[in-house]
């Protein structure tokens, strides 16, 4: 009997959310929960192996985003690119990274622009080396092409748009 016909075999995070039509959405959500937690754990352990044990997953994302393409970024740029609504959490991460001398900043008019410091760039490079050795080398065992990986990424971006739209609808209730 398939999982579609046997609700007891469905892999979902909350059985009460998997009743009726579109139960598969709950299965996707469970996959997202597991992937999010695994990715968060991976980022902190990769960063620890790269030489810094004091950064949270958000700190790591902010550091990498600020280092991205070597361009200065404002708080609003970082929040937009990471799809984070709560600017206070990103601002806290920026202050923490500044205190650790992983970022530098420059005020231009009313705006503050951030960039990775030399120390921050070196840490990002060390993270990249650990990532290549511990994660990318194992991707070949998944037997997925680059195009399939890009398709998954596109699907995840589309799904995030659906969640964004749904969150706006829920906020208006």
C-alpha atoms as a PDB file:
ATOM      1  CA  UNK A   1       0.000   0.000   0.000  1.00  0.00           C
ATOM      2  CA  UNK A   2       1.448   3.411  -0.924  1.00  0.00           C
ATOM      3  CA  UNK A   3       1.975   6.238   1.548  1.00  0.00           C
ATOM      4  CA  UNK A   4      -0.808   8.087  -0.268  1.00  0.00           C
ATOM      5  CA  UNK A   5      -3.297   5.429   0.777  1.00  0.00           C
ATOM      6  CA  UNK A   6      -1.759   4.658   4.151  1.00  0.00           C
ATOM      7  CA  UNK A   7      -1.583   7.846   6.267  1.00  0.00           C
ATOM      8  CA  UNK A   8       0.369   6.010   8.979  1.00  0.00           C
ATOM      9  CA  UNK A   9       3.367   5.781   6.615  1.00  0.00           C
ATOM     10  CA  UNK A  10       3.530   9.486   5.792  1.00  0.00           C
ATOM     11  CA  UNK A  11       6.700  11.218   6.925  1.00  0.00           C
ATOM     12  CA  UNK A  12       5.402  14.462   8.372  1.00  0.00           C
ATOM     13  CA  UNK A  13       6.259  16.651  11.335  1.00  0.00           C
ATOM     14  CA  UNK A  14       2.687  17.135  12.530  1.00  0.00           C
ATOM     15  CA  UNK A  15       0.077  14.504  11.770  1.00  0.00           C
ATOM     16  CA  UNK A  16      -2.753  16.987  12.382  1.00  0.00           C
ATOM     17  CA  UNK A  17      -1.427  19.117   9.479  1.00  0.00           C
ATOM     18  CA  UNK A  18      -1.354  16.165   7.089  1.00  0.00           C
ATOM     19  CA  UNK A  19      -5.062  15.368   6.996  1.00  0.00           C
ATOM     20  CA  UNK A  20      -6.996  15.691   3.758  1.00  0.00           C
ATOM     21  CA  UNK A  21      -5.879  16.962   0.386  1.00  0.00           C
ATOM     22  CA  UNK A  22      -2.372  18.296  -0.129  1.00  0.00           C
ATOM     23  CA  UNK A  23      -0.971  16.291   2.780  1.00  0.00           C
ATOM     24  CA  UNK A  24       2.282  16.242   0.826  1.00  0.00           C
ATOM     25  CA  UNK A  25       2.852  19.875   1.844  1.00  0.00           C
ATOM     26  CA  UNK A  26       3.374  18.654   5.410  1.00  0.00           C
ATOM     27  CA  UNK A  27       5.925  16.151   4.145  1.00  0.00           C
ATOM     28  CA  UNK A  28       7.783  18.970   2.357  1.00  0.00           C
ATOM     29  CA  UNK A  29       7.644  21.088   5.514  1.00  0.00           C
ATOM     30  CA  UNK A  30       9.139  18.245   7.534  1.00  0.00           C
ATOM     31  CA  UNK A  31      11.912  17.972   4.953  1.00  0.00           C
ATOM     32  CA  UNK A  32      12.528  21.724   5.278  1.00  0.00           C
ATOM     33  CA  UNK A  33      12.696  21.453   9.080  1.00  0.00           C
ATOM     34  CA  UNK A  34      15.224  18.647   8.919  1.00  0.00           C
ATOM     35  CA  UNK A  35      17.255  20.386   6.188  1.00  0.00           C
ATOM     36  CA  UNK A  36      17.232  23.723   8.064  1.00  0.00           C
ATOM     37  CA  UNK A  37      18.476  22.140  11.272  1.00  0.00           C
ATOM     38  CA  UNK A  38      21.107  20.043   9.474  1.00  0.00           C
ATOM     39  CA  UNK A  39      22.295  23.103   7.527  1.00  0.00           C
ATOM     40  CA  UNK A  40      22.476  25.224  10.702  1.00  0.00           C
ATOM     41  CA  UNK A  41      24.459  22.499  12.483  1.00  0.00           C
ATOM     42  CA  UNK A  42      26.726  22.132   9.440  1.00  0.00           C
ATOM     43  CA  UNK A  43      27.450  25.865   9.228  1.00  0.00           C
ATOM     44  CA  UNK A  44      28.504  26.124  12.877  1.00  0.00           C
ATOM     45  CA  UNK A  45      30.656  22.978  12.728  1.00  0.00           C
ATOM     46  CA  UNK A  46      32.229  24.024   9.452  1.00  0.00           C
ATOM     47  CA  UNK A  47      32.998  27.448  10.928  1.00  0.00           C
ATOM     48  CA  UNK A  48      34.434  25.798  14.037  1.00  0.00           C
ATOM     49  CA  UNK A  49      36.726  23.688  11.852  1.00  0.00           C
ATOM     50  CA  UNK A  50      37.658  26.871   9.978  1.00  0.00           C
ATOM     51  CA  UNK A  51      38.803  28.420  13.238  1.00  0.00           C
ATOM     52  CA  UNK A  52      35.894  30.243  14.903  1.00  0.00           C
ATOM     53  CA  UNK A  53      33.660  28.571  17.474  1.00  0.00           C
ATOM     54  CA  UNK A  54      31.757  31.702  18.544  1.00  0.00           C
ATOM     55  CA  UNK A  55      29.439  32.292  15.574  1.00  0.00           C
ATOM     56  CA  UNK A  56      25.767  31.375  15.298  1.00  0.00           C
ATOM     57  CA  UNK A  57      24.236  30.295  11.994  1.00  0.00           C
ATOM     58  CA  UNK A  58      22.885  33.827  11.470  1.00  0.00           C
ATOM     59  CA  UNK A  59      26.306  35.347  12.200  1.00  0.00           C
ATOM     60  CA  UNK A  60      27.842  33.017   9.611  1.00  0.00           C
ATOM     61  CA  UNK A  61      25.226  33.883   6.988  1.00  0.00           C
ATOM     62  CA  UNK A  62      25.735  37.602   7.603  1.00  0.00           C
ATOM     63  CA  UNK A  63      29.519  37.242   7.379  1.00  0.00           C
ATOM     64  CA  UNK A  64      29.348  35.315   4.100  1.00  0.00           C
ATOM     65  CA  UNK A  65      26.770  37.715   2.664  1.00  0.00           C
ATOM     66  CA  UNK A  66      28.842  40.737   3.636  1.00  0.00           C
ATOM     67  CA  UNK A  67      31.898  39.128   2.037  1.00  0.00           C
ATOM     68  CA  UNK A  68      29.924  38.234  -1.131  1.00  0.00           C
ATOM     69  CA  UNK A  69      31.500  39.743  -4.271  1.00  0.00           C
ATOM     70  CA  UNK A  70      33.589  42.117  -2.156  1.00  0.00           C
ATOM     71  CA  UNK A  71      30.870  44.782  -2.260  1.00  0.00           C
ATOM     72  CA  UNK A  72      29.913  47.018   0.641  1.00  0.00           C
ATOM     73  CA  UNK A  73      26.443  46.276   1.991  1.00  0.00           C
ATOM     74  CA  UNK A  74      23.913  48.090   4.139  1.00  0.00           C
ATOM     75  CA  UNK A  75      21.777  46.440   6.797  1.00  0.00           C
ATOM     76  CA  UNK A  76      18.792  46.616   4.436  1.00  0.00           C
ATOM     77  CA  UNK A  77      20.775  44.917   1.639  1.00  0.00           C
ATOM     78  CA  UNK A  78      21.752  42.029   3.892  1.00  0.00           C
ATOM     79  CA  UNK A  79      18.211  41.573   5.213  1.00  0.00           C
ATOM     80  CA  UNK A  80      16.794  41.670   1.694  1.00  0.00           C
ATOM     81  CA  UNK A  81      19.287  39.178   0.266  1.00  0.00           C
ATOM     82  CA  UNK A  82      18.845  36.758   3.172  1.00  0.00           C
ATOM     83  CA  UNK A  83      15.049  37.286   3.241  1.00  0.00           C
ATOM     84  CA  UNK A  84      15.125  38.295   6.917  1.00  0.00           C
ATOM     85  CA  UNK A  85      12.357  40.550   8.145  1.00  0.00           C
ATOM     86  CA  UNK A  86      13.677  41.165  11.666  1.00  0.00           C
ATOM     87  CA  UNK A  87      16.433  43.719  11.098  1.00  0.00           C
ATOM     88  CA  UNK A  88      17.285  43.724  14.813  1.00  0.00           C
ATOM     89  CA  UNK A  89      18.693  40.187  14.669  1.00  0.00           C
ATOM     90  CA  UNK A  90      20.871  41.060  11.669  1.00  0.00           C
ATOM     91  CA  UNK A  91      21.973  44.312  13.290  1.00  0.00           C
ATOM     92  CA  UNK A  92      22.999  42.345  16.396  1.00  0.00           C
ATOM     93  CA  UNK A  93      25.014  39.958  14.210  1.00  0.00           C
ATOM     94  CA  UNK A  94      26.684  42.910  12.461  1.00  0.00           C
ATOM     95  CA  UNK A  95      27.686  44.455  15.799  1.00  0.00           C
ATOM     96  CA  UNK A  96      29.026  41.102  17.020  1.00  0.00           C
ATOM     97  CA  UNK A  97      31.044  40.586  13.814  1.00  0.00           C
ATOM     98  CA  UNK A  98      32.400  44.147  14.076  1.00  0.00           C
ATOM     99  CA  UNK A  99      33.456  43.550  17.693  1.00  0.00           C
ATOM    100  CA  UNK A 100      35.243  40.368  16.573  1.00  0.00           C
ATOM    101  CA  UNK A 101      36.977  42.432  13.854  1.00  0.00           C
ATOM    102  CA  UNK A 102      35.541  40.234  11.090  1.00  0.00           C
ATOM    103  CA  UNK A 103      33.792  43.235   9.518  1.00  0.00           C
ATOM    104  CA  UNK A 104      34.548  46.889   9.079  1.00  0.00           C
ATOM    105  CA  UNK A 105      32.102  49.684   8.435  1.00  0.00           C
ATOM    106  CA  UNK A 106      31.918  53.128   6.934  1.00  0.00           C
ATOM    107  CA  UNK A 107      29.235  55.730   7.423  1.00  0.00           C
ATOM    108  CA  UNK A 108      28.140  57.533   4.250  1.00  0.00           C
ATOM    109  CA  UNK A 109      25.539  60.148   4.947  1.00  0.00           C
ATOM    110  CA  UNK A 110      22.868  58.459   7.047  1.00  0.00           C
ATOM    111  CA  UNK A 111      23.761  54.945   5.849  1.00  0.00           C
ATOM    112  CA  UNK A 112      26.310  52.538   7.317  1.00  0.00           C
ATOM    113  CA  UNK A 113      28.047  50.204   4.851  1.00  0.00           C
ATOM    114  CA  UNK A 114      29.689  46.966   5.963  1.00  0.00           C
ATOM    115  CA  UNK A 115      32.411  44.880   4.378  1.00  0.00           C
ATOM    116  CA  UNK A 116      34.427  41.872   5.445  1.00  0.00           C
ATOM    117  CA  UNK A 117      37.749  42.821   7.005  1.00  0.00           C
ATOM    118  CA  UNK A 118      40.920  41.007   6.004  1.00  0.00           C
ATOM    119  CA  UNK A 119      40.408  38.759   9.036  1.00  0.00           C
ATOM    120  CA  UNK A 120      36.801  38.130   7.940  1.00  0.00           C
ATOM    121  CA  UNK A 121      37.860  37.326   4.364  1.00  0.00           C
ATOM    122  CA  UNK A 122      40.476  34.882   5.664  1.00  0.00           C
ATOM    123  CA  UNK A 123      37.863  33.162   7.839  1.00  0.00           C
ATOM    124  CA  UNK A 124      35.498  32.891   4.852  1.00  0.00           C
ATOM    125  CA  UNK A 125      38.339  31.365   2.822  1.00  0.00           C
ATOM    126  CA  UNK A 126      39.080  28.847   5.595  1.00  0.00           C
ATOM    127  CA  UNK A 127      35.335  27.981   5.720  1.00  0.00           C
ATOM    128  CA  UNK A 128      35.392  27.445   1.974  1.00  0.00           C
ATOM    129  CA  UNK A 129      38.316  25.022   2.285  1.00  0.00           C
ATOM    130  CA  UNK A 130      36.545  22.995   4.989  1.00  0.00           C
ATOM    131  CA  UNK A 131      33.331  23.050   2.920  1.00  0.00           C
ATOM    132  CA  UNK A 132      35.157  21.700  -0.130  1.00  0.00           C
ATOM    133  CA  UNK A 133      36.865  18.948   1.862  1.00  0.00           C
ATOM    134  CA  UNK A 134      33.926  17.854   4.020  1.00  0.00           C
ATOM    135  CA  UNK A 135      30.810  18.631   1.997  1.00  0.00           C
ATOM    136  CA  UNK A 136      31.460  19.131  -1.700  1.00  0.00           C
ATOM    137  CA  UNK A 137      33.604  16.006  -2.011  1.00  0.00           C
ATOM    138  CA  UNK A 138      30.629  13.937  -0.787  1.00  0.00           C
ATOM    139  CA  UNK A 139      28.118  15.436  -3.219  1.00  0.00           C
ATOM    140  CA  UNK A 140      29.254  13.087  -5.973  1.00  0.00           C
ATOM    141  CA  UNK A 141      27.704  10.206  -4.012  1.00  0.00           C
ATOM    142  CA  UNK A 142      24.260  11.794  -4.377  1.00  0.00           C
ATOM    143  CA  UNK A 143      24.369  11.102  -8.110  1.00  0.00           C
ATOM    144  CA  UNK A 144      22.852  14.497  -8.954  1.00  0.00           C
ATOM    145  CA  UNK A 145      23.865  16.683 -11.840  1.00  0.00           C
ATOM    146  CA  UNK A 146      24.547  20.382 -11.495  1.00  0.00           C
ATOM    147  CA  UNK A 147      21.365  21.057 -13.423  1.00  0.00           C
ATOM    148  CA  UNK A 148      19.329  18.959 -10.969  1.00  0.00           C
ATOM    149  CA  UNK A 149      20.869  20.882  -8.067  1.00  0.00           C
ATOM    150  CA  UNK A 150      19.954  24.177  -9.784  1.00  0.00           C
ATOM    151  CA  UNK A 151      16.386  22.882 -10.273  1.00  0.00           C
ATOM    152  CA  UNK A 152      16.127  22.092  -6.554  1.00  0.00           C
ATOM    153  CA  UNK A 153      17.423  25.573  -5.721  1.00  0.00           C
ATOM    154  CA  UNK A 154      14.867  27.162  -8.065  1.00  0.00           C
ATOM    155  CA  UNK A 155      12.075  25.103  -6.488  1.00  0.00           C
ATOM    156  CA  UNK A 156      13.155  26.166  -3.002  1.00  0.00           C
ATOM    157  CA  UNK A 157      13.179  29.840  -4.046  1.00  0.00           C
ATOM    158  CA  UNK A 158       9.682  29.454  -5.552  1.00  0.00           C
ATOM    159  CA  UNK A 159       8.469  27.708  -2.408  1.00  0.00           C
ATOM    160  CA  UNK A 160       9.882  30.514  -0.245  1.00  0.00           C
ATOM    161  CA  UNK A 161       7.864  32.969  -2.339  1.00  0.00           C
ATOM    162  CA  UNK A 162       4.725  30.955  -1.622  1.00  0.00           C
ATOM    163  CA  UNK A 163       5.491  31.016   2.112  1.00  0.00           C
ATOM    164  CA  UNK A 164       6.120  34.791   1.932  1.00  0.00           C
ATOM    165  CA  UNK A 165       2.770  35.330   0.212  1.00  0.00           C
ATOM    166  CA  UNK A 166       0.995  33.088   2.710  1.00  0.00           C
ATOM    167  CA  UNK A 167       2.594  34.945   5.628  1.00  0.00           C
ATOM    168  CA  UNK A 168       1.319  38.255   4.246  1.00  0.00           C
ATOM    169  CA  UNK A 169      -2.156  36.762   3.887  1.00  0.00           C
ATOM    170  CA  UNK A 170      -2.044  35.375   7.447  1.00  0.00           C
ATOM    171  CA  UNK A 171      -0.933  38.773   8.784  1.00  0.00           C
ATOM    172  CA  UNK A 172      -4.063  40.344   7.322  1.00  0.00           C
ATOM    173  CA  UNK A 173      -6.453  37.926   9.059  1.00  0.00           C
END
